[in-house]
N, C-alpha and C. Protein backbone atom coordinates (compact mmCIF):
# COMPACT_ATOMS: atom_id res chain seq x y z
N MET A 1 18.81 26.87 60.02
CA MET A 1 17.44 26.26 59.89
C MET A 1 16.93 26.14 58.40
N ASN A 2 17.35 27.09 57.56
CA ASN A 2 16.91 27.09 56.22
C ASN A 2 17.50 26.09 55.50
N ASN A 3 18.86 25.69 55.83
CA ASN A 3 19.67 24.63 55.13
C ASN A 3 18.96 23.19 55.36
N VAL A 4 18.50 22.98 56.47
CA VAL A 4 17.84 21.73 56.79
C VAL A 4 16.51 21.47 56.04
N LEU A 5 15.90 22.61 55.93
CA LEU A 5 14.71 22.52 55.22
C LEU A 5 14.79 22.40 53.60
N LEU A 6 15.78 22.88 53.11
CA LEU A 6 16.21 22.51 51.67
C LEU A 6 16.65 21.22 51.38
N LEU A 7 17.49 20.58 52.35
CA LEU A 7 17.97 19.24 52.09
C LEU A 7 16.83 18.22 52.19
N THR A 8 15.80 18.38 53.04
CA THR A 8 14.75 17.45 53.16
C THR A 8 13.84 17.57 51.86
N THR A 9 13.58 18.74 51.25
CA THR A 9 12.78 18.73 50.08
C THR A 9 13.48 18.11 48.84
N ASP A 10 14.71 18.25 48.63
CA ASP A 10 15.56 17.57 47.45
C ASP A 10 15.39 16.22 47.50
N THR A 11 15.45 15.55 48.58
CA THR A 11 15.56 14.13 48.55
C THR A 11 14.30 13.26 48.39
N THR A 12 13.19 14.01 48.54
CA THR A 12 11.81 13.28 48.47
C THR A 12 11.36 13.34 47.18
N GLY A 13 11.69 14.27 46.22
CA GLY A 13 11.08 14.42 44.92
C GLY A 13 11.79 13.66 43.84
N THR A 14 12.92 13.00 44.24
CA THR A 14 13.51 12.26 43.01
C THR A 14 13.11 10.86 42.76
N SER A 15 12.71 10.22 43.90
CA SER A 15 12.04 8.85 43.61
C SER A 15 10.71 8.87 42.72
N GLY A 16 10.01 9.78 42.89
CA GLY A 16 8.71 9.95 42.03
C GLY A 16 9.01 10.24 40.58
N SER A 17 10.00 11.14 40.44
CA SER A 17 10.50 11.50 39.03
C SER A 17 11.07 10.27 38.28
N TRP A 18 11.72 9.27 38.87
CA TRP A 18 12.17 8.18 38.23
C TRP A 18 11.13 7.25 37.88
N ILE A 19 10.02 7.09 38.50
CA ILE A 19 8.85 6.27 38.33
C ILE A 19 8.17 6.79 37.01
N ILE A 20 7.94 8.15 36.99
CA ILE A 20 7.31 8.84 35.85
C ILE A 20 8.18 8.57 34.63
N LEU A 21 9.50 8.80 34.78
CA LEU A 21 10.42 8.58 33.65
C LEU A 21 10.35 7.17 32.91
N LEU A 22 10.44 6.13 33.91
CA LEU A 22 10.30 4.86 33.45
C LEU A 22 8.85 4.47 32.76
N ALA A 23 7.91 5.07 33.27
CA ALA A 23 6.50 4.92 32.76
C ALA A 23 6.44 5.54 31.36
N GLU A 24 7.07 6.78 31.18
CA GLU A 24 7.01 7.38 29.77
C GLU A 24 7.96 6.52 28.81
N VAL A 25 8.99 6.03 29.29
CA VAL A 25 9.91 5.14 28.41
C VAL A 25 9.12 3.96 27.94
N ALA A 26 8.45 3.28 28.93
CA ALA A 26 7.66 2.06 28.70
C ALA A 26 6.56 2.48 27.60
N PHE A 27 5.83 3.52 27.85
CA PHE A 27 4.81 3.94 27.00
C PHE A 27 5.27 4.26 25.57
N LEU A 28 6.49 4.95 25.43
CA LEU A 28 6.97 5.28 24.08
C LEU A 28 7.49 3.88 23.48
N GLY A 29 8.01 2.92 24.16
CA GLY A 29 8.35 1.52 23.71
C GLY A 29 7.14 0.78 23.09
N LEU A 30 6.12 0.93 23.87
CA LEU A 30 4.73 0.18 23.32
C LEU A 30 4.20 0.93 22.25
N LEU A 31 4.26 2.19 22.16
CA LEU A 31 3.83 3.00 21.00
C LEU A 31 4.60 2.71 19.63
N LEU A 32 6.03 2.64 19.91
CA LEU A 32 6.83 2.22 18.82
C LEU A 32 6.48 0.83 18.32
N TYR A 33 6.25 -0.13 19.22
CA TYR A 33 5.90 -1.51 18.75
C TYR A 33 4.71 -1.51 17.94
N PHE A 34 3.58 -0.89 18.50
CA PHE A 34 2.37 -1.04 17.78
C PHE A 34 2.25 -0.15 16.61
N MET A 35 3.11 0.96 16.30
CA MET A 35 2.94 1.70 15.25
C MET A 35 4.05 1.33 14.16
N LEU A 36 5.11 0.75 14.36
CA LEU A 36 6.19 0.49 13.44
C LEU A 36 6.41 -0.93 13.22
N ILE A 37 6.64 -1.65 14.37
CA ILE A 37 7.17 -3.00 14.22
C ILE A 37 6.04 -4.14 13.94
N ARG A 38 4.88 -3.94 14.58
CA ARG A 38 3.87 -4.89 14.36
C ARG A 38 3.32 -4.85 12.88
N PRO A 39 2.86 -3.67 12.35
CA PRO A 39 2.40 -3.67 11.00
C PRO A 39 3.44 -4.11 10.00
N GLN A 40 4.84 -3.86 10.23
CA GLN A 40 5.77 -4.43 9.23
C GLN A 40 5.87 -5.95 9.38
N LYS A 41 5.73 -6.55 10.45
CA LYS A 41 5.72 -8.04 10.48
C LYS A 41 4.61 -8.66 9.93
N LYS A 42 3.26 -7.99 10.02
CA LYS A 42 2.12 -8.28 9.35
C LYS A 42 2.32 -8.41 7.89
N GLN A 43 2.89 -7.33 7.22
CA GLN A 43 3.26 -7.24 5.93
C GLN A 43 4.15 -8.30 5.47
N GLN A 44 5.27 -8.55 6.25
CA GLN A 44 6.14 -9.64 5.81
C GLN A 44 5.56 -10.98 5.77
N LYS A 45 4.71 -11.25 6.74
CA LYS A 45 3.96 -12.44 6.81
C LYS A 45 3.05 -12.67 5.66
N LYS A 46 2.33 -11.63 5.22
CA LYS A 46 1.33 -11.56 4.13
C LYS A 46 2.22 -11.91 2.85
N MET A 47 3.35 -11.22 2.73
CA MET A 47 4.24 -11.29 1.52
C MET A 47 4.81 -12.69 1.46
N SER A 48 5.25 -13.28 2.42
CA SER A 48 5.82 -14.72 2.43
C SER A 48 4.65 -15.86 2.17
N LEU A 49 3.41 -15.52 2.68
CA LEU A 49 2.30 -16.36 2.39
C LEU A 49 2.05 -16.25 0.92
N MET A 50 2.01 -15.10 0.35
CA MET A 50 1.79 -14.83 -1.06
C MET A 50 2.81 -15.59 -2.04
N LEU A 51 4.08 -15.37 -1.65
CA LEU A 51 5.14 -16.13 -2.34
C LEU A 51 5.12 -17.59 -2.23
N SER A 52 4.53 -18.05 -1.19
CA SER A 52 4.44 -19.65 -0.96
C SER A 52 3.58 -20.19 -1.97
N THR A 53 2.55 -19.40 -2.39
CA THR A 53 1.55 -19.97 -3.34
C THR A 53 1.89 -19.76 -4.91
N LEU A 54 3.15 -19.26 -5.21
CA LEU A 54 3.61 -19.00 -6.50
C LEU A 54 3.69 -20.29 -7.29
N ALA A 55 3.28 -20.35 -8.38
CA ALA A 55 3.42 -21.60 -9.22
C ALA A 55 3.60 -21.13 -10.69
N ALA A 56 3.97 -22.13 -11.53
CA ALA A 56 4.19 -21.96 -12.97
C ALA A 56 2.81 -21.59 -13.57
N GLY A 57 2.86 -20.49 -14.45
CA GLY A 57 1.65 -20.03 -15.31
C GLY A 57 1.10 -18.76 -14.49
N ASP A 58 1.53 -18.46 -13.44
CA ASP A 58 0.97 -17.26 -12.67
C ASP A 58 1.57 -15.97 -13.51
N SER A 59 0.66 -15.10 -13.53
CA SER A 59 1.16 -13.62 -13.91
C SER A 59 1.63 -12.90 -12.64
N VAL A 60 2.78 -12.27 -12.87
CA VAL A 60 3.34 -11.47 -11.71
C VAL A 60 3.64 -10.08 -12.05
N LEU A 61 3.90 -9.30 -11.11
CA LEU A 61 4.29 -7.83 -11.33
C LEU A 61 5.57 -7.88 -10.52
N THR A 62 6.64 -7.43 -11.13
CA THR A 62 7.93 -7.26 -10.36
C THR A 62 8.08 -5.98 -9.86
N SER A 63 9.19 -5.78 -8.90
CA SER A 63 9.28 -4.47 -8.20
C SER A 63 9.81 -3.37 -9.11
N SER A 64 10.23 -3.78 -10.29
CA SER A 64 10.67 -2.83 -11.31
C SER A 64 9.55 -2.39 -12.22
N GLY A 65 8.30 -2.93 -11.94
CA GLY A 65 7.16 -2.52 -12.80
C GLY A 65 6.88 -3.42 -14.00
N MET A 66 7.61 -4.42 -14.24
CA MET A 66 7.41 -5.28 -15.39
C MET A 66 6.46 -6.52 -15.10
N TYR A 67 5.41 -6.69 -16.03
CA TYR A 67 4.54 -7.81 -16.02
C TYR A 67 5.13 -8.88 -16.76
N GLY A 68 5.03 -10.24 -16.15
CA GLY A 68 5.38 -11.39 -16.85
C GLY A 68 4.63 -12.58 -16.38
N VAL A 69 5.08 -13.78 -17.00
CA VAL A 69 4.42 -15.03 -16.57
C VAL A 69 5.52 -15.95 -15.97
N VAL A 70 5.20 -16.57 -14.84
CA VAL A 70 6.29 -17.50 -14.35
C VAL A 70 6.35 -18.79 -15.15
N ILE A 71 7.58 -19.26 -15.54
CA ILE A 71 7.89 -20.40 -16.18
C ILE A 71 8.30 -21.54 -15.19
N ASP A 72 9.17 -21.17 -14.38
CA ASP A 72 9.69 -22.08 -13.36
C ASP A 72 9.96 -21.49 -12.07
N VAL A 73 9.59 -22.32 -11.00
CA VAL A 73 9.86 -21.83 -9.54
C VAL A 73 10.87 -22.75 -8.92
N MET A 74 11.91 -22.13 -8.33
CA MET A 74 12.90 -22.95 -7.58
C MET A 74 12.86 -22.41 -6.19
N ASP A 75 13.91 -22.62 -5.31
CA ASP A 75 13.86 -22.27 -3.88
C ASP A 75 13.77 -20.65 -3.73
N GLU A 76 14.84 -20.14 -4.24
CA GLU A 76 14.90 -18.55 -4.26
C GLU A 76 14.88 -17.87 -5.48
N VAL A 77 14.89 -18.58 -6.65
CA VAL A 77 14.83 -18.05 -8.01
C VAL A 77 13.59 -18.34 -8.65
N VAL A 78 13.14 -17.55 -9.52
CA VAL A 78 11.87 -17.67 -10.40
C VAL A 78 12.33 -17.31 -11.67
N ILE A 79 12.01 -18.12 -12.80
CA ILE A 79 12.12 -17.82 -14.16
C ILE A 79 10.85 -17.18 -14.77
N VAL A 80 11.00 -15.85 -15.16
CA VAL A 80 9.90 -15.25 -15.61
C VAL A 80 9.98 -14.85 -17.23
N GLU A 81 9.12 -15.04 -17.77
CA GLU A 81 8.94 -14.63 -19.31
C GLU A 81 8.18 -13.36 -19.46
N PHE A 82 8.89 -12.50 -20.20
CA PHE A 82 8.24 -11.17 -20.25
C PHE A 82 7.78 -10.92 -21.84
N GLY A 83 6.64 -10.46 -22.12
CA GLY A 83 6.09 -10.16 -23.37
C GLY A 83 5.76 -11.44 -24.19
N ASN A 84 5.51 -11.26 -25.48
CA ASN A 84 5.31 -12.34 -26.40
C ASN A 84 6.34 -13.16 -26.90
N ASN A 85 7.65 -12.60 -26.74
CA ASN A 85 8.81 -13.19 -27.18
C ASN A 85 9.20 -14.32 -26.23
N LYS A 86 9.23 -15.45 -26.82
CA LYS A 86 9.62 -16.84 -25.89
C LYS A 86 10.97 -16.79 -25.63
N ASN A 87 11.88 -15.85 -26.24
CA ASN A 87 13.21 -15.89 -25.87
C ASN A 87 13.55 -14.91 -24.59
N CYS A 88 12.60 -14.30 -24.22
CA CYS A 88 12.86 -13.29 -23.06
C CYS A 88 12.50 -13.87 -21.83
N ARG A 89 13.29 -14.83 -21.33
CA ARG A 89 13.21 -15.52 -20.07
C ARG A 89 14.19 -14.93 -19.17
N ILE A 90 13.78 -14.41 -17.89
CA ILE A 90 14.87 -13.89 -17.03
C ILE A 90 14.70 -14.47 -15.75
N PRO A 91 15.81 -14.99 -15.12
CA PRO A 91 15.87 -15.53 -13.69
C PRO A 91 15.87 -14.31 -12.81
N MET A 92 15.04 -14.40 -11.69
CA MET A 92 15.04 -13.33 -10.81
C MET A 92 14.69 -13.92 -9.41
N LYS A 93 15.00 -13.14 -8.25
CA LYS A 93 14.76 -13.59 -6.96
C LYS A 93 13.17 -13.52 -6.68
N LYS A 94 12.84 -14.25 -5.81
CA LYS A 94 11.46 -14.37 -5.45
C LYS A 94 10.99 -13.01 -4.78
N SER A 95 11.88 -12.50 -3.99
CA SER A 95 11.58 -11.29 -3.22
C SER A 95 11.27 -10.03 -4.19
N SER A 96 11.75 -10.12 -5.42
CA SER A 96 11.40 -9.03 -6.31
C SER A 96 10.03 -9.06 -6.84
N ILE A 97 9.15 -10.22 -6.61
CA ILE A 97 7.84 -10.16 -6.97
C ILE A 97 6.87 -9.36 -5.97
N VAL A 98 6.20 -8.45 -6.49
CA VAL A 98 5.26 -7.64 -5.70
C VAL A 98 3.77 -8.18 -5.64
N GLU A 99 3.40 -8.60 -6.88
CA GLU A 99 1.88 -8.96 -7.02
C GLU A 99 1.89 -10.27 -7.76
N ILE A 100 0.92 -11.15 -7.41
CA ILE A 100 0.65 -12.36 -8.21
C ILE A 100 -0.80 -12.40 -8.54
N GLU A 101 -1.04 -12.82 -9.84
CA GLU A 101 -2.43 -12.95 -10.31
C GLU A 101 -2.47 -14.39 -10.91
N LYS A 102 -3.36 -15.12 -10.28
CA LYS A 102 -3.48 -16.49 -10.62
C LYS A 102 -4.38 -16.50 -11.92
N PRO A 103 -4.21 -17.39 -12.82
CA PRO A 103 -5.02 -17.60 -14.14
C PRO A 103 -6.34 -18.22 -13.68
N ASN A 104 -7.32 -17.72 -14.47
CA ASN A 104 -8.74 -18.23 -14.19
C ASN A 104 -8.82 -19.75 -15.01
N THR A 105 -9.12 -20.59 -14.09
CA THR A 105 -9.35 -22.01 -14.56
C THR A 105 -10.84 -22.30 -15.05
N GLU A 106 -11.74 -21.37 -14.63
CA GLU A 106 -13.11 -21.49 -15.01
C GLU A 106 -13.46 -20.88 -16.36
N LYS A 107 -14.12 -21.62 -17.32
CA LYS A 107 -14.44 -20.99 -18.56
C LYS A 107 -15.77 -21.50 -19.01
């Protein structure tokens, strides 16, 4: 009699635990999306929008911490002039630019 009672209690509890497990996994997946993936995509979109407005004459800050002025803009490469020396022109990738400051045209 005791064996029959034990068998019936074991089979009824497993279907409910699978539903709870699936709900927890779905919740953790949503949490991961909203805390990690979504903010990173927003930042990438903002950065690509900023780099699309890059033009010659803009002051830029590179990822290495150097300030310079853009001389020429190509597809993936930008030529940046550093300092007052006109001979210090370095080609670099657009992705290495962190900040852009447009020159003031109003005077």
